[in-house]
Amino acid sequence: MASLSRLLSSICVLLLAVSLLSGCGKKLITSKTARKNVSPSLKTSLRTAEQQRNRTKWIDDVDARQFEDDLEAIFLIERPSRLTPYPIP
């Protein structure tokens, strides 16, 4: 039983050492590559490229809906105001 425990613990230590030495498998970042692109994952100062695309699409959607509301107001096709209790012809 003690030999099995010793074997399992040595296997765990070996796996831990291999994982620590190998890392995540990414290539090393040198100072030259870091100077080329200091913040590679950011498109703006706060957002990644995907977050910026999502924000732009959301703004475009809101603008398009607001444009339709503005057209209704320009052509006077929106419903009458309900601020008065009296019917509006």
PDB file of N, CA and C in Angstrom:
ATOM      1  N   MET A   1       0.818  -1.191   0.000  1.00  0.00           N
ATOM      2  CA  MET A   1       0.000   0.000   0.000  1.00  0.00           C
ATOM      3  C   MET A   1       0.864   1.259   0.000  1.00  0.00           C
ATOM      4  N   ALA A   2       1.962   1.206   0.754  1.00  0.00           N
ATOM      5  CA  ALA A   2       2.863   2.354   0.818  1.00  0.00           C
ATOM      6  C   ALA A   2       3.564   2.567  -0.512  1.00  0.00           C
ATOM      7  N   SER A   3       3.855   1.468  -1.218  1.00  0.00           N
ATOM      8  CA  SER A   3       4.522   1.613  -2.516  1.00  0.00           C
ATOM      9  C   SER A   3       3.575   2.219  -3.547  1.00  0.00           C
ATOM     10  N   LEU A   4       2.292   1.898  -3.466  1.00  0.00           N
ATOM     11  CA  LEU A   4       1.307   2.481  -4.373  1.00  0.00           C
ATOM     12  C   LEU A   4       1.163   3.981  -4.102  1.00  0.00           C
ATOM     13  N   SER A   5       1.137   4.326  -2.834  1.00  0.00           N
ATOM     14  CA  SER A   5       1.049   5.738  -2.462  1.00  0.00           C
ATOM     15  C   SER A   5       2.292   6.493  -2.926  1.00  0.00           C
ATOM     16  N   ARG A   6       3.430   5.880  -2.751  1.00  0.00           N
ATOM     17  CA  ARG A   6       4.686   6.506  -3.192  1.00  0.00           C
ATOM     18  C   ARG A   6       4.707   6.653  -4.716  1.00  0.00           C
ATOM     19  N   LEU A   7       4.203   5.653  -5.438  1.00  0.00           N
ATOM     20  CA  LEU A   7       4.156   5.703  -6.900  1.00  0.00           C
ATOM     21  C   LEU A   7       3.226   6.822  -7.372  1.00  0.00           C
ATOM     22  N   LEU A   8       2.052   6.910  -6.766  1.00  0.00           N
ATOM     23  CA  LEU A   8       1.092   7.961  -7.151  1.00  0.00           C
ATOM     24  C   LEU A   8       1.639   9.351  -6.850  1.00  0.00           C
ATOM     25  N   SER A   9       2.284   9.507  -5.708  1.00  0.00           N
ATOM     26  CA  SER A   9       2.826  10.819  -5.388  1.00  0.00           C
ATOM     27  C   SER A   9       3.981  11.187  -6.306  1.00  0.00           C
ATOM     28  N   SER A  10       4.787  10.207  -6.692  1.00  0.00           N
ATOM     29  CA  SER A  10       5.884  10.509  -7.622  1.00  0.00           C
ATOM     30  C   SER A  10       5.349  10.837  -9.013  1.00  0.00           C
ATOM     31  N   ILE A  11       4.274  10.179  -9.422  1.00  0.00           N
ATOM     32  CA  ILE A  11       3.648  10.514 -10.709  1.00  0.00           C
ATOM     33  C   ILE A  11       3.079  11.926 -10.669  1.00  0.00           C
ATOM     34  N   CYS A  12       2.438  12.292  -9.574  1.00  0.00           N
ATOM     35  CA  CYS A  12       1.890  13.648  -9.443  1.00  0.00           C
ATOM     36  C   CYS A  12       2.989  14.698  -9.478  1.00  0.00           C
ATOM     37  N   VAL A  13       4.086  14.440  -8.805  1.00  0.00           N
ATOM     38  CA  VAL A  13       5.208  15.372  -8.801  1.00  0.00           C
ATOM     39  C   VAL A  13       5.792  15.485 -10.197  1.00  0.00           C
ATOM     40  N   LEU A  14       5.904  14.362 -10.893  1.00  0.00           N
ATOM     41  CA  LEU A  14       6.432  14.372 -12.257  1.00  0.00           C
ATOM     42  C   LEU A  14       5.523  15.166 -13.195  1.00  0.00           C
ATOM     43  N   LEU A  15       4.207  14.952 -13.102  1.00  0.00           N
ATOM     44  CA  LEU A  15       3.263  15.698 -13.943  1.00  0.00           C
ATOM     45  C   LEU A  15       3.296  17.195 -13.628  1.00  0.00           C
ATOM     46  N   LEU A  16       3.418  17.526 -12.371  1.00  0.00           N
ATOM     47  CA  LEU A  16       3.501  18.931 -11.981  1.00  0.00           C
ATOM     48  C   LEU A  16       4.761  19.578 -12.551  1.00  0.00           C
ATOM     49  N   ALA A  17       5.879  18.868 -12.469  1.00  0.00           N
ATOM     50  CA  ALA A  17       7.131  19.411 -12.996  1.00  0.00           C
ATOM     51  C   ALA A  17       7.053  19.595 -14.507  1.00  0.00           C
ATOM     52  N   VAL A  18       6.460  18.635 -15.213  1.00  0.00           N
ATOM     53  CA  VAL A  18       6.329  18.745 -16.673  1.00  0.00           C
ATOM     54  C   VAL A  18       5.432  19.912 -17.040  1.00  0.00           C
ATOM     55  N   SER A  19       4.323  20.073 -16.322  1.00  0.00           N
ATOM     56  CA  SER A  19       3.417  21.177 -16.650  1.00  0.00           C
ATOM     57  C   SER A  19       4.041  22.533 -16.334  1.00  0.00           C
ATOM     58  N   LEU A  20       4.822  22.623 -15.274  1.00  0.00           N
ATOM     59  CA  LEU A  20       5.481  23.888 -14.954  1.00  0.00           C
ATOM     60  C   LEU A  20       6.579  24.233 -15.951  1.00  0.00           C
ATOM     61  N   LEU A  21       7.283  23.226 -16.423  1.00  0.00           N
ATOM     62  CA  LEU A  21       8.369  23.484 -17.365  1.00  0.00           C
ATOM     63  C   LEU A  21       7.867  23.756 -18.780  1.00  0.00           C
ATOM     64  N   SER A  22       6.759  23.145 -19.157  1.00  0.00           N
ATOM     65  CA  SER A  22       6.284  23.316 -20.529  1.00  0.00           C
ATOM     66  C   SER A  22       5.430  24.565 -20.698  1.00  0.00           C
ATOM     67  N   GLY A  23       4.759  25.016 -19.668  1.00  0.00           N
ATOM     68  CA  GLY A  23       3.907  26.197 -19.776  1.00  0.00           C
ATOM     69  C   GLY A  23       2.666  25.905 -20.594  1.00  0.00           C
ATOM     70  N   CYS A  24       2.161  26.919 -21.276  1.00  0.00           N
ATOM     71  CA  CYS A  24       0.944  26.753 -22.064  1.00  0.00           C
ATOM     72  C   CYS A  24       1.240  26.442 -23.518  1.00  0.00           C
ATOM     73  N   GLY A  25       2.468  26.337 -23.876  1.00  0.00           N
ATOM     74  CA  GLY A  25       2.819  26.013 -25.247  1.00  0.00           C
ATOM     75  C   GLY A  25       2.872  27.215 -26.165  1.00  0.00           C
ATOM     76  N   LYS A  26       2.700  28.405 -25.650  1.00  0.00           N
ATOM     77  CA  LYS A  26       2.777  29.592 -26.494  1.00  0.00           C
ATOM     78  C   LYS A  26       4.239  29.955 -26.715  1.00  0.00           C
ATOM     79  N   LYS A  27       4.469  30.644 -27.819  1.00  0.00           N
ATOM     80  CA  LYS A  27       5.846  31.056 -28.064  1.00  0.00           C
ATOM     81  C   LYS A  27       6.243  32.166 -27.096  1.00  0.00           C
ATOM     82  N   LEU A  28       7.507  32.273 -26.863  1.00  0.00           N
ATOM     83  CA  LEU A  28       8.005  33.246 -25.899  1.00  0.00           C
ATOM     84  C   LEU A  28       7.815  34.667 -26.410  1.00  0.00           C
ATOM     85  N   ILE A  29       7.521  35.561 -25.499  1.00  0.00           N
ATOM     86  CA  ILE A  29       7.374  36.969 -25.838  1.00  0.00           C
ATOM     87  C   ILE A  29       8.709  37.641 -25.564  1.00  0.00           C
ATOM     88  N   THR A  30       9.276  38.193 -26.608  1.00  0.00           N
ATOM     89  CA  THR A  30      10.549  38.893 -26.459  1.00  0.00           C
ATOM     90  C   THR A  30      10.283  40.385 -26.324  1.00  0.00           C
ATOM     91  N   SER A  31      11.300  41.123 -25.978  1.00  0.00           N
ATOM     92  CA  SER A  31      11.125  42.569 -25.844  1.00  0.00           C
ATOM     93  C   SER A  31      10.835  43.205 -27.198  1.00  0.00           C
ATOM     94  N   LYS A  32      11.353  42.612 -28.254  1.00  0.00           N
ATOM     95  CA  LYS A  32      11.108  43.154 -29.591  1.00  0.00           C
ATOM     96  C   LYS A  32       9.633  43.002 -29.974  1.00  0.00           C
ATOM     97  N   THR A  33       9.048  41.836 -29.716  1.00  0.00           N
ATOM     98  CA  THR A  33       7.628  41.656 -30.044  1.00  0.00           C
ATOM     99  C   THR A  33       6.735  42.473 -29.118  1.00  0.00           C
ATOM    100  N   ALA A  34       7.155  42.674 -27.895  1.00  0.00           N
ATOM    101  CA  ALA A  34       6.363  43.488 -26.970  1.00  0.00           C
ATOM    102  C   ALA A  34       6.361  44.951 -27.380  1.00  0.00           C
ATOM    103  N   ARG A  35       7.462  45.437 -27.904  1.00  0.00           N
ATOM    104  CA  ARG A  35       7.521  46.839 -28.349  1.00  0.00           C
ATOM    105  C   ARG A  35       6.701  47.062 -29.609  1.00  0.00           C
ATOM    106  N   LYS A  36       6.568  46.044 -30.450  1.00  0.00           N
ATOM    107  CA  LYS A  36       5.774  46.196 -31.674  1.00  0.00           C
ATOM    108  C   LYS A  36       4.298  46.415 -31.360  1.00  0.00           C
ATOM    109  N   ASN A  37       3.773  45.681 -30.388  1.00  0.00           N
ATOM    110  CA  ASN A  37       2.371  45.808 -30.023  1.00  0.00           C
ATOM    111  C   ASN A  37       2.266  45.655 -28.516  1.00  0.00           C
ATOM    112  N   VAL A  38       2.216  46.763 -27.828  1.00  0.00           N
ATOM    113  CA  VAL A  38       2.254  46.755 -26.369  1.00  0.00           C
ATOM    114  C   VAL A  38       0.988  46.129 -25.776  1.00  0.00           C
ATOM    115  N   SER A  39      -0.155  46.412 -26.357  1.00  0.00           N
ATOM    116  CA  SER A  39      -1.415  45.832 -25.870  1.00  0.00           C
ATOM    117  C   SER A  39      -2.095  45.109 -27.030  1.00  0.00           C
ATOM    118  N   PRO A  40      -1.690  43.885 -27.310  1.00  0.00           N
ATOM    119  CA  PRO A  40      -2.185  43.196 -28.494  1.00  0.00           C
ATOM    120  C   PRO A  40      -3.663  42.851 -28.453  1.00  0.00           C
ATOM    121  N   SER A  41      -4.244  42.719 -27.283  1.00  0.00           N
ATOM    122  CA  SER A  41      -5.648  42.314 -27.235  1.00  0.00           C
ATOM    123  C   SER A  41      -6.617  43.490 -27.216  1.00  0.00           C
ATOM    124  N   LEU A  42      -6.124  44.719 -27.112  1.00  0.00           N
ATOM    125  CA  LEU A  42      -7.013  45.869 -27.014  1.00  0.00           C
ATOM    126  C   LEU A  42      -7.100  46.628 -28.325  1.00  0.00           C
ATOM    127  N   LYS A  43      -8.322  46.982 -28.696  1.00  0.00           N
ATOM    128  CA  LYS A  43      -8.552  47.799 -29.891  1.00  0.00           C
ATOM    129  C   LYS A  43      -8.528  49.280 -29.505  1.00  0.00           C
ATOM    130  N   THR A  44      -9.196  49.621 -28.413  1.00  0.00           N
ATOM    131  CA  THR A  44      -9.168  50.980 -27.886  1.00  0.00           C
ATOM    132  C   THR A  44      -8.456  50.927 -26.538  1.00  0.00           C
ATOM    133  N   SER A  45      -8.516  51.993 -25.792  1.00  0.00           N
ATOM    134  CA  SER A  45      -7.826  51.978 -24.502  1.00  0.00           C
ATOM    135  C   SER A  45      -8.535  51.107 -23.471  1.00  0.00           C
ATOM    136  N   LEU A  46      -9.809  50.790 -23.713  1.00  0.00           N
ATOM    137  CA  LEU A  46     -10.568  50.010 -22.733  1.00  0.00           C
ATOM    138  C   LEU A  46     -11.141  48.711 -23.263  1.00  0.00           C
ATOM    139  N   ARG A  47     -11.321  48.570 -24.576  1.00  0.00           N
ATOM    140  CA  ARG A  47     -12.073  47.443 -25.123  1.00  0.00           C
ATOM    141  C   ARG A  47     -11.251  46.611 -26.096  1.00  0.00           C
ATOM    142  N   THR A  48     -11.575  45.328 -26.134  1.00  0.00           N
ATOM    143  CA  THR A  48     -10.978  44.460 -27.140  1.00  0.00           C
ATOM    144  C   THR A  48     -11.674  44.724 -28.468  1.00  0.00           C
ATOM    145  N   ALA A  49     -11.143  44.148 -29.527  1.00  0.00           N
ATOM    146  CA  ALA A  49     -11.734  44.355 -30.859  1.00  0.00           C
ATOM    147  C   ALA A  49     -13.164  43.823 -30.905  1.00  0.00           C
ATOM    148  N   GLU A  50     -13.408  42.669 -30.296  1.00  0.00           N
ATOM    149  CA  GLU A  50     -14.754  42.107 -30.298  1.00  0.00           C
ATOM    150  C   GLU A  50     -15.722  42.970 -29.491  1.00  0.00           C
ATOM    151  N   GLN A  51     -15.297  43.465 -28.355  1.00  0.00           N
ATOM    152  CA  GLN A  51     -16.144  44.350 -27.555  1.00  0.00           C
ATOM    153  C   GLN A  51     -16.444  45.633 -28.315  1.00  0.00           C
ATOM    154  N   GLN A  52     -15.473  46.152 -29.043  1.00  0.00           N
ATOM    155  CA  GLN A  52     -15.684  47.377 -29.813  1.00  0.00           C
ATOM    156  C   GLN A  52     -16.670  47.131 -30.958  1.00  0.00           C
ATOM    157  N   ARG A  53     -16.551  45.970 -31.634  1.00  0.00           N
ATOM    158  CA  ARG A  53     -17.512  45.646 -32.697  1.00  0.00           C
ATOM    159  C   ARG A  53     -18.915  45.512 -32.132  1.00  0.00           C
ATOM    160  N   ASN A  54     -19.064  44.862 -30.984  1.00  0.00           N
ATOM    161  CA  ASN A  54     -20.385  44.719 -30.366  1.00  0.00           C
ATOM    162  C   ASN A  54     -20.959  46.075 -29.980  1.00  0.00           C
ATOM    163  N   ARG A  55     -20.139  46.940 -29.447  1.00  0.00           N
ATOM    164  CA  ARG A  55     -20.598  48.276 -29.055  1.00  0.00           C
ATOM    165  C   ARG A  55     -21.033  49.082 -30.283  1.00  0.00           C
ATOM    166  N   THR A  56     -20.256  48.992 -31.362  1.00  0.00           N
ATOM    167  CA  THR A  56     -20.603  49.714 -32.585  1.00  0.00           C
ATOM    168  C   THR A  56     -21.920  49.207 -33.165  1.00  0.00           C
ATOM    169  N   LYS A  57     -22.120  47.885 -33.186  1.00  0.00           N
ATOM    170  CA  LYS A  57     -23.379  47.320 -33.696  1.00  0.00           C
ATOM    171  C   LYS A  57     -24.552  47.749 -32.823  1.00  0.00           C
ATOM    172  N   TRP A  58     -24.352  47.780 -31.506  1.00  0.00           N
ATOM    173  CA  TRP A  58     -25.417  48.199 -30.610  1.00  0.00           C
ATOM    174  C   TRP A  58     -25.780  49.665 -30.856  1.00  0.00           C
ATOM    175  N   ILE A  59     -24.782  50.513 -31.024  1.00  0.00           N
ATOM    176  CA  ILE A  59     -25.025  51.932 -31.290  1.00  0.00           C
ATOM    177  C   ILE A  59     -25.735  52.110 -32.631  1.00  0.00           C
ATOM    178  N   ASP A  60     -25.330  51.360 -33.660  1.00  0.00           N
ATOM    179  CA  ASP A  60     -25.998  51.427 -34.961  1.00  0.00           C
ATOM    180  C   ASP A  60     -27.464  51.023 -34.846  1.00  0.00           C
ATOM    181  N   ASP A  61     -27.744  49.996 -34.047  1.00  0.00           N
ATOM    182  CA  ASP A  61     -29.117  49.537 -33.870  1.00  0.00           C
ATOM    183  C   ASP A  61     -29.960  50.609 -33.187  1.00  0.00           C
ATOM    184  N   VAL A  62     -29.433  51.210 -32.135  1.00  0.00           N
ATOM    185  CA  VAL A  62     -30.165  52.266 -31.423  1.00  0.00           C
ATOM    186  C   VAL A  62     -30.384  53.470 -32.344  1.00  0.00           C
ATOM    187  N   ASP A  63     -29.366  53.830 -33.107  1.00  0.00           N
ATOM    188  CA  ASP A  63     -29.496  54.962 -34.029  1.00  0.00           C
ATOM    189  C   ASP A  63     -30.560  54.704 -35.092  1.00  0.00           C
ATOM    190  N   ALA A  64     -30.613  53.476 -35.606  1.00  0.00           N
ATOM    191  CA  ALA A  64     -31.612  53.147 -36.632  1.00  0.00           C
ATOM    192  C   ALA A  64     -33.020  53.225 -36.064  1.00  0.00           C
ATOM    193  N   ARG A  65     -33.212  52.730 -34.855  1.00  0.00           N
ATOM    194  CA  ARG A  65     -34.540  52.808 -34.240  1.00  0.00           C
ATOM    195  C   ARG A  65     -34.910  54.249 -33.931  1.00  0.00           C
ATOM    196  N   GLN A  66     -33.960  55.039 -33.498  1.00  0.00           N
ATOM    197  CA  GLN A  66     -34.238  56.449 -33.211  1.00  0.00           C
ATOM    198  C   GLN A  66     -34.559  57.202 -34.498  1.00  0.00           C
ATOM    199  N   PHE A  67     -33.900  56.839 -35.602  1.00  0.00           N
ATOM    200  CA  PHE A  67     -34.165  57.485 -36.885  1.00  0.00           C
ATOM    201  C   PHE A  67     -35.610  57.257 -37.312  1.00  0.00           C
ATOM    202  N   GLU A  68     -36.113  56.033 -37.098  1.00  0.00           N
ATOM    203  CA  GLU A  68     -37.511  55.764 -37.443  1.00  0.00           C
ATOM    204  C   GLU A  68     -38.450  56.593 -36.575  1.00  0.00           C
ATOM    205  N   ASP A  69     -38.124  56.735 -35.295  1.00  0.00           N
ATOM    206  CA  ASP A  69     -38.944  57.586 -34.422  1.00  0.00           C
ATOM    207  C   ASP A  69     -38.910  59.038 -34.883  1.00  0.00           C
ATOM    208  N   ASP A  70     -37.748  59.501 -35.316  1.00  0.00           N
ATOM    209  CA  ASP A  70     -37.632  60.875 -35.805  1.00  0.00           C
ATOM    210  C   ASP A  70     -38.452  61.079 -37.077  1.00  0.00           C
ATOM    211  N   LEU A  71     -38.439  60.094 -37.975  1.00  0.00           N
ATOM    212  CA  LEU A  71     -39.245  60.201 -39.201  1.00  0.00           C
ATOM    213  C   LEU A  71     -40.732  60.273 -38.874  1.00  0.00           C
ATOM    214  N   GLU A  72     -41.164  59.482 -37.903  1.00  0.00           N
ATOM    215  CA  GLU A  72     -42.571  59.547 -37.502  1.00  0.00           C
ATOM    216  C   GLU A  72     -42.920  60.938 -36.964  1.00  0.00           C
ATOM    217  N   ALA A  73     -42.027  61.544 -36.234  1.00  0.00           N
ATOM    218  CA  ALA A  73     -42.294  62.882 -35.708  1.00  0.00           C
ATOM    219  C   ALA A  73     -42.298  63.914 -36.827  1.00  0.00           C
ATOM    220  N   ILE A  74     -41.397  63.778 -37.799  1.00  0.00           N
ATOM    221  CA  ILE A  74     -41.331  64.739 -38.913  1.00  0.00           C
ATOM    222  C   ILE A  74     -42.591  64.673 -39.761  1.00  0.00           C
ATOM    223  N   PHE A  75     -43.043  63.470 -40.079  1.00  0.00           N
ATOM    224  CA  PHE A  75     -44.217  63.306 -40.945  1.00  0.00           C
ATOM    225  C   PHE A  75     -45.531  63.284 -40.171  1.00  0.00           C
ATOM    226  N   LEU A  76     -45.463  63.567 -38.885  1.00  0.00           N
ATOM    227  CA  LEU A  76     -46.644  63.666 -38.022  1.00  0.00           C
ATOM    228  C   LEU A  76     -47.486  62.392 -38.054  1.00  0.00           C
ATOM    229  N   ILE A  77     -46.849  61.253 -38.002  1.00  0.00           N
ATOM    230  CA  ILE A  77     -47.594  59.997 -38.015  1.00  0.00           C
ATOM    231  C   ILE A  77     -47.508  59.250 -36.689  1.00  0.00           C
ATOM    232  N   GLU A  78     -47.000  59.911 -35.670  1.00  0.00           N
ATOM    233  CA  GLU A  78     -47.001  59.253 -34.375  1.00  0.00           C
ATOM    234  C   GLU A  78     -48.341  59.485 -33.695  1.00  0.00           C
ATOM    235  N   ARG A  79     -48.645  58.697 -32.714  1.00  0.00           N
ATOM    236  CA  ARG A  79     -49.943  58.816 -32.066  1.00  0.00           C
ATOM    237  C   ARG A  79     -50.017  60.117 -31.279  1.00  0.00           C
ATOM    238  N   PRO A  80     -51.206  60.625 -31.070  1.00  0.00           N
ATOM    239  CA  PRO A  80     -51.366  61.879 -30.347  1.00  0.00           C
ATOM    240  C   PRO A  80     -50.907  61.752 -28.896  1.00  0.00           C
ATOM    241  N   SER A  81     -50.600  62.875 -28.313  1.00  0.00           N
ATOM    242  CA  SER A  81     -50.181  62.900 -26.925  1.00  0.00           C
ATOM    243  C   SER A  81     -51.341  62.496 -26.022  1.00  0.00           C
ATOM    244  N   ARG A  82     -51.056  61.845 -24.937  1.00  0.00           N
ATOM    245  CA  ARG A  82     -52.096  61.419 -23.995  1.00  0.00           C
ATOM    246  C   ARG A  82     -51.995  62.210 -22.691  1.00  0.00           C
ATOM    247  N   LEU A  83     -51.480  63.421 -22.797  1.00  0.00           N
ATOM    248  CA  LEU A  83     -51.317  64.240 -21.600  1.00  0.00           C
ATOM    249  C   LEU A  83     -52.619  64.892 -21.171  1.00  0.00           C
ATOM    250  N   THR A  84     -53.598  65.006 -22.066  1.00  0.00           N
ATOM    251  CA  THR A  84     -54.872  65.627 -21.731  1.00  0.00           C
ATOM    252  C   THR A  84     -55.940  64.540 -21.558  1.00  0.00           C
ATOM    253  N   PRO A  85     -56.860  64.744 -20.650  1.00  0.00           N
ATOM    254  CA  PRO A  85     -57.925  63.738 -20.470  1.00  0.00           C
ATOM    255  C   PRO A  85     -59.008  63.830 -21.550  1.00  0.00           C
ATOM    256  N   TYR A  86     -58.994  64.897 -22.360  1.00  0.00           N
ATOM    257  CA  TYR A  86     -60.006  65.093 -23.386  1.00  0.00           C
ATOM    258  C   TYR A  86     -59.584  64.430 -24.688  1.00  0.00           C
ATOM    259  N   PRO A  87     -60.530  63.913 -25.433  1.00  0.00           N
ATOM    260  CA  PRO A  87     -60.172  63.268 -26.701  1.00  0.00           C
ATOM    261  C   PRO A  87     -59.622  64.269 -27.713  1.00  0.00           C
ATOM    262  N   ILE A  88     -58.676  63.844 -28.463  1.00  0.00           N
ATOM    263  CA  ILE A  88     -58.081  64.678 -29.495  1.00  0.00           C
ATOM    264  C   ILE A  88     -58.590  64.175 -30.837  1.00  0.00           C
ATOM    265  N   PRO A  89     -59.181  65.085 -31.653  1.00  0.00           N
ATOM    266  CA  PRO A  89     -59.738  64.625 -32.935  1.00  0.00           C
ATOM    267  C   PRO A  89     -58.671  64.184 -33.901  1.00  0.00           C
TER     268      PRO A  89
END
